[in-house]
C-alpha atoms as a PDB file:
ATOM      1  CA  MET A   1     102.252  66.623 119.559  1.00  0.00           C
ATOM      2  CA  SER A   2     100.045  69.896 119.429  1.00  0.00           C
ATOM      3  CA  LYS A   3     100.953  72.235 117.405  1.00  0.00           C
ATOM      4  CA  ARG A   4     102.154  75.728 118.787  1.00  0.00           C
ATOM      5  CA  ILE A   5     100.457  78.618 117.298  1.00  0.00           C
ATOM      6  CA  ALA A   6     100.634  82.175 118.331  1.00  0.00           C
ATOM      7  CA  VAL A   7      98.078  85.095 117.037  1.00  0.00           C
ATOM      8  CA  ILE A   8      99.905  88.183 116.793  1.00  0.00           C
ATOM      9  CA  GLY A   9      97.953  91.695 117.410  1.00  0.00           C
ATOM     10  CA  LEU A  10     100.221  94.623 115.712  1.00  0.00           C
ATOM     11  CA  GLY A  11      99.603  98.490 115.496  1.00  0.00           C
ATOM     12  CA  ASN A  12      99.521 101.394 117.254  1.00  0.00           C
ATOM     13  CA  ALA A  13      96.882 102.441 119.144  1.00  0.00           C
ATOM     14  CA  LEU A  14      97.407 105.819 119.018  1.00  0.00           C
ATOM     15  CA  ARG A  15      97.377 106.016 115.247  1.00  0.00           C
ATOM     16  CA  ARG A  16      93.303 105.619 114.713  1.00  0.00           C
ATOM     17  CA  ASP A  17      92.831 102.852 112.036  1.00  0.00           C
ATOM     18  CA  ASP A  18      96.562 101.527 112.259  1.00  0.00           C
ATOM     19  CA  GLY A  19      95.269  99.833 116.407  1.00  0.00           C
ATOM     20  CA  ILE A  20      92.803  97.006 114.059  1.00  0.00           C
ATOM     21  CA  GLY A  21      95.735  94.715 114.978  1.00  0.00           C
ATOM     22  CA  ILE A  22      95.378  95.105 118.173  1.00  0.00           C
ATOM     23  CA  ILE A  23      91.478  95.548 118.614  1.00  0.00           C
ATOM     24  CA  ILE A  24      91.053  92.463 117.243  1.00  0.00           C
ATOM     25  CA  LEU A  25      93.639  90.724 119.323  1.00  0.00           C
ATOM     26  CA  GLU A  26      91.648  91.892 122.052  1.00  0.00           C
ATOM     27  CA  SER A  27      88.228  90.989 120.554  1.00  0.00           C
ATOM     28  CA  LEU A  28      90.073  87.175 120.209  1.00  0.00           C
ATOM     29  CA  LEU A  29      90.736  87.070 123.680  1.00  0.00           C
ATOM     30  CA  MET A  30      87.296  88.084 125.175  1.00  0.00           C
ATOM     31  CA  PHE A  31      85.170  85.565 122.143  1.00  0.00           C
ATOM     32  CA  TYR A  32      87.828  82.651 121.186  1.00  0.00           C
ATOM     33  CA  LYS A  33      90.002  82.397 123.986  1.00  0.00           C
ATOM     34  CA  ARG A  34      92.095  79.024 123.229  1.00  0.00           C
ATOM     35  CA  ASN A  35      94.211  77.226 125.717  1.00  0.00           C
ATOM     36  CA  ASP A  36      95.966  75.749 122.874  1.00  0.00           C
ATOM     37  CA  ILE A  37      96.951  79.681 121.359  1.00  0.00           C
ATOM     38  CA  ASP A  38      98.917  82.013 122.468  1.00  0.00           C
ATOM     39  CA  TYR A  39      97.883  85.445 122.194  1.00  0.00           C
ATOM     40  CA  LEU A  40     100.684  88.331 122.025  1.00  0.00           C
ATOM     41  CA  ASN A  41     100.508  92.175 121.863  1.00  0.00           C
ATOM     42  CA  PHE A  42     103.132  93.290 119.854  1.00  0.00           C
ATOM     43  CA  GLY A  43     101.608  97.232 119.011  1.00  0.00           C
ATOM     44  CA  ASN A  44     104.705  98.959 117.376  1.00  0.00           C
ATOM     45  CA  ALA A  45     106.445  95.252 116.421  1.00  0.00           C
ATOM     46  CA  SER A  46     109.771  95.014 117.915  1.00  0.00           C
ATOM     47  CA  PHE A  47     113.057  93.183 116.922  1.00  0.00           C
ATOM     48  CA  ASP A  48     111.702  90.518 119.842  1.00  0.00           C
ATOM     49  CA  LEU A  49     108.872  89.291 117.838  1.00  0.00           C
ATOM     50  CA  LEU A  50     111.223  87.948 115.503  1.00  0.00           C
ATOM     51  CA  HIS A  51     112.938  85.312 118.184  1.00  0.00           C
ATOM     52  CA  ARG A  52     109.494  84.331 119.434  1.00  0.00           C
ATOM     53  CA  LEU A  53     108.703  83.355 116.149  1.00  0.00           C
ATOM     54  CA  LYS A  54     110.892  80.768 116.537  1.00  0.00           C
ATOM     55  CA  ASN A  55     108.895  78.943 119.392  1.00  0.00           C
ATOM     56  CA  TYR A  56     105.975  78.518 116.693  1.00  0.00           C
ATOM     57  CA  ASP A  57     105.044  76.026 114.243  1.00  0.00           C
ATOM     58  CA  SER A  58     102.550  78.013 112.958  1.00  0.00           C
ATOM     59  CA  VAL A  59     101.941  82.133 113.522  1.00  0.00           C
ATOM     60  CA  LEU A  60      99.257  84.531 112.710  1.00  0.00           C
ATOM     61  CA  LEU A  61     100.094  88.196 111.955  1.00  0.00           C
ATOM     62  CA  ILE A  62      96.991  90.979 112.273  1.00  0.00           C
ATOM     63  CA  ASP A  63      97.870  93.949 111.143  1.00  0.00           C
ATOM     64  CA  GLY A  64      96.478  97.153 109.252  1.00  0.00           C
ATOM     65  CA  ILE A  65      97.412  98.031 105.644  1.00  0.00           C
ATOM     66  CA  HIS A  66      97.190 100.602 102.466  1.00  0.00           C
ATOM     67  CA  ALA A  67      96.475  97.947  99.522  1.00  0.00           C
ATOM     68  CA  GLY A  68      93.907 100.008  97.583  1.00  0.00           C
ATOM     69  CA  LEU A  69      91.124  97.600  99.054  1.00  0.00           C
ATOM     70  CA  ASP A  70      88.201  98.155 100.733  1.00  0.00           C
ATOM     71  CA  ILE A  71      88.185  99.699 104.070  1.00  0.00           C
ATOM     72  CA  GLY A  72      87.710  96.508 106.399  1.00  0.00           C
ATOM     73  CA  GLU A  73      88.388  93.974 103.675  1.00  0.00           C
ATOM     74  CA  VAL A  74      91.171  91.424 104.726  1.00  0.00           C
ATOM     75  CA  LYS A  75      93.700  90.088 103.100  1.00  0.00           C
ATOM     76  CA  ILE A  76      95.272  86.917 104.702  1.00  0.00           C
ATOM     77  CA  SER A  77      98.254  85.082 102.782  1.00  0.00           C
ATOM     78  CA  ARG A  78     101.795  83.712 103.898  1.00  0.00           C
ATOM     79  CA  LEU A  79     104.649  86.084 104.448  1.00  0.00           C
ATOM     80  CA  GLU A  80     106.680  85.523 101.774  1.00  0.00           C
ATOM     81  CA  ASP A  81     103.961  85.223  99.402  1.00  0.00           C
ATOM     82  CA  ILE A  82     103.482  89.357 100.048  1.00  0.00           C
ATOM     83  CA  GLU A  83     107.258  89.787  99.570  1.00  0.00           C
ATOM     84  CA  TYR A  84     107.336  90.533  96.179  1.00  0.00           C
ATOM     85  CA  LYS A  85     104.176  93.356  97.149  1.00  0.00           C
ATOM     86  CA  LEU A  86     106.611  95.142  99.515  1.00  0.00           C
ATOM     87  CA  GLY A  87     109.151  97.297  97.572  1.00  0.00           C
ATOM     88  CA  ASP A  88     111.256  99.698  99.615  1.00  0.00           C
ATOM     89  CA  PHE A  89     108.540 102.137  99.702  1.00  0.00           C
ATOM     90  CA  VAL A  90     106.855 100.419 102.561  1.00  0.00           C
ATOM     91  CA  THR A  91     106.341 103.129 105.559  1.00  0.00           C
ATOM     92  CA  SER A  92     105.048 101.763 108.478  1.00  0.00           C
ATOM     93  CA  THR A  93     104.465 102.656 111.811  1.00  0.00           C
ATOM     94  CA  HIS A  94     106.078  99.772 113.622  1.00  0.00           C
ATOM     95  CA  GLU A  95     110.250  99.561 114.601  1.00  0.00           C
ATOM     96  CA  LEU A  96     109.566  96.485 111.874  1.00  0.00           C
ATOM     97  CA  ASN A  97     107.680  96.273 108.922  1.00  0.00           C
ATOM     98  CA  LEU A  98     106.221  93.337 106.749  1.00  0.00           C
ATOM     99  CA  LYS A  99     109.374  93.362 104.631  1.00  0.00           C
ATOM    100  CA  SER A 100     111.566  93.811 107.075  1.00  0.00           C
ATOM    101  CA  ILE A 101     110.115  90.385 109.417  1.00  0.00           C
ATOM    102  CA  PHE A 102     109.785  88.351 106.379  1.00  0.00           C
ATOM    103  CA  GLU A 103     114.039  89.209 104.962  1.00  0.00           C
ATOM    104  CA  LEU A 104     115.317  88.931 108.615  1.00  0.00           C
ATOM    105  CA  SER A 105     113.178  85.533 109.471  1.00  0.00           C
ATOM    106  CA  LYS A 106     114.477  84.110 106.336  1.00  0.00           C
ATOM    107  CA  ASN A 107     118.095  85.006 107.339  1.00  0.00           C
ATOM    108  CA  LEU A 108     117.402  83.819 110.754  1.00  0.00           C
ATOM    109  CA  GLY A 109     116.347  80.334 109.771  1.00  0.00           C
ATOM    110  CA  ILE A 110     112.888  80.690 111.391  1.00  0.00           C
ATOM    111  CA  LYS A 111     110.408  78.048 110.185  1.00  0.00           C
ATOM    112  CA  ALA A 112     107.412  78.889 111.994  1.00  0.00           C
ATOM    113  CA  ARG A 113     104.218  79.240 109.321  1.00  0.00           C
ATOM    114  CA  ILE A 114     104.025  82.963 109.418  1.00  0.00           C
ATOM    115  CA  TYR A 115     100.535  84.472 108.102  1.00  0.00           C
ATOM    116  CA  VAL A 116      99.359  87.654 107.493  1.00  0.00           C
ATOM    117  CA  ALA A 117      95.816  88.800 107.998  1.00  0.00           C
ATOM    118  CA  GLY A 118      96.174  92.582 106.815  1.00  0.00           C
ATOM    119  CA  ILE A 119      93.345  94.997 106.917  1.00  0.00           C
ATOM    120  CA  GLU A 120      92.883  97.420 105.457  1.00  0.00           C
ATOM    121  CA  VAL A 121      92.407 100.978 106.319  1.00  0.00           C
ATOM    122  CA  ARG A 122      92.312 104.557 105.818  1.00  0.00           C
ATOM    123  CA  ASP A 123      92.302 107.035 108.723  1.00  0.00           C
ATOM    124  CA  THR A 124      96.254 106.456 110.299  1.00  0.00           C
ATOM    125  CA  SER A 125      95.758 110.110 112.041  1.00  0.00           C
ATOM    126  CA  PHE A 126      96.998 110.839 114.975  1.00  0.00           C
ATOM    127  CA  GLY A 127      93.876 109.714 117.835  1.00  0.00           C
ATOM    128  CA  GLU A 128      92.574 107.251 119.566  1.00  0.00           C
ATOM    129  CA  GLY A 129      89.654 105.178 118.607  1.00  0.00           C
ATOM    130  CA  LEU A 130      88.676 103.548 115.129  1.00  0.00           C
ATOM    131  CA  SER A 131      87.037 105.372 111.855  1.00  0.00           C
ATOM    132  CA  GLU A 132      83.359 104.815 112.235  1.00  0.00           C
ATOM    133  CA  ALA A 133      83.710 102.957 108.921  1.00  0.00           C
ATOM    134  CA  LEU A 134      86.529 100.492 110.059  1.00  0.00           C
ATOM    135  CA  ASN A 135      84.349 100.707 113.294  1.00  0.00           C
ATOM    136  CA  ASN A 136      81.574  99.535 111.835  1.00  0.00           C
ATOM    137  CA  LYS A 137      83.145  96.233 109.805  1.00  0.00           C
ATOM    138  CA  LYS A 138      84.954  94.793 113.222  1.00  0.00           C
ATOM    139  CA  GLU A 139      81.986  91.875 113.777  1.00  0.00           C
ATOM    140  CA  ASP A 140      83.006  90.508 109.828  1.00  0.00           C
ATOM    141  CA  ILE A 141      86.580  91.003 110.071  1.00  0.00           C
ATOM    142  CA  LEU A 142      86.501  89.354 114.055  1.00  0.00           C
ATOM    143  CA  LYS A 143      84.427  86.384 112.270  1.00  0.00           C
ATOM    144  CA  GLU A 144      87.131  86.338 108.730  1.00  0.00           C
ATOM    145  CA  ILE A 145      90.198  85.541 111.321  1.00  0.00           C
ATOM    146  CA  ILE A 146      88.527  83.206 113.186  1.00  0.00           C
ATOM    147  CA  ALA A 147      87.620  80.875 110.594  1.00  0.00           C
ATOM    148  CA  PHE A 148      91.106  81.039 109.096  1.00  0.00           C
ATOM    149  CA  ILE A 149      92.407  79.990 113.197  1.00  0.00           C
ATOM    150  CA  GLU A 150      89.507  77.086 112.904  1.00  0.00           C
ATOM    151  CA  LYS A 151      92.120  76.359 109.039  1.00  0.00           C
ATOM    152  CA  ILE A 152      95.334  76.585 110.707  1.00  0.00           C
ATOM    153  CA  LEU A 153      94.033  74.423 113.471  1.00  0.00           C
ATOM    154  CA  SER A 154      92.682  71.227 111.209  1.00  0.00           C
END
């Protein structure tokens, strides 16, 4: 039986760099489309996302983060491993932030291994398109995400 895997892009394309999760998801669809992976665009994470998570063995959420890293740096962790870093101060442009997804998935008994590929962003002001600094890192980000997906599949 093959693993059920989903790659989910999160982000708000109308908040500049915050759209990076969606942009990387679209790039994966163009350059790394595989039949054994479901690619889902959840934009601003909603409660429907939680219902989808239960259908998979492994899930990779791709989202922009503010973690004090270099712009475009990718930090990939299991969702439960980053929970302690997410205090009540977490702000999000999404209906559900990562802390909410973690707590609700735990409470709902979702068994999927959920990974988060957090991509450091800077400019989340209103507007379309990535900042030049983040746009210049897009190819490197894509390579790192693909390498991680390959690891999940093996």
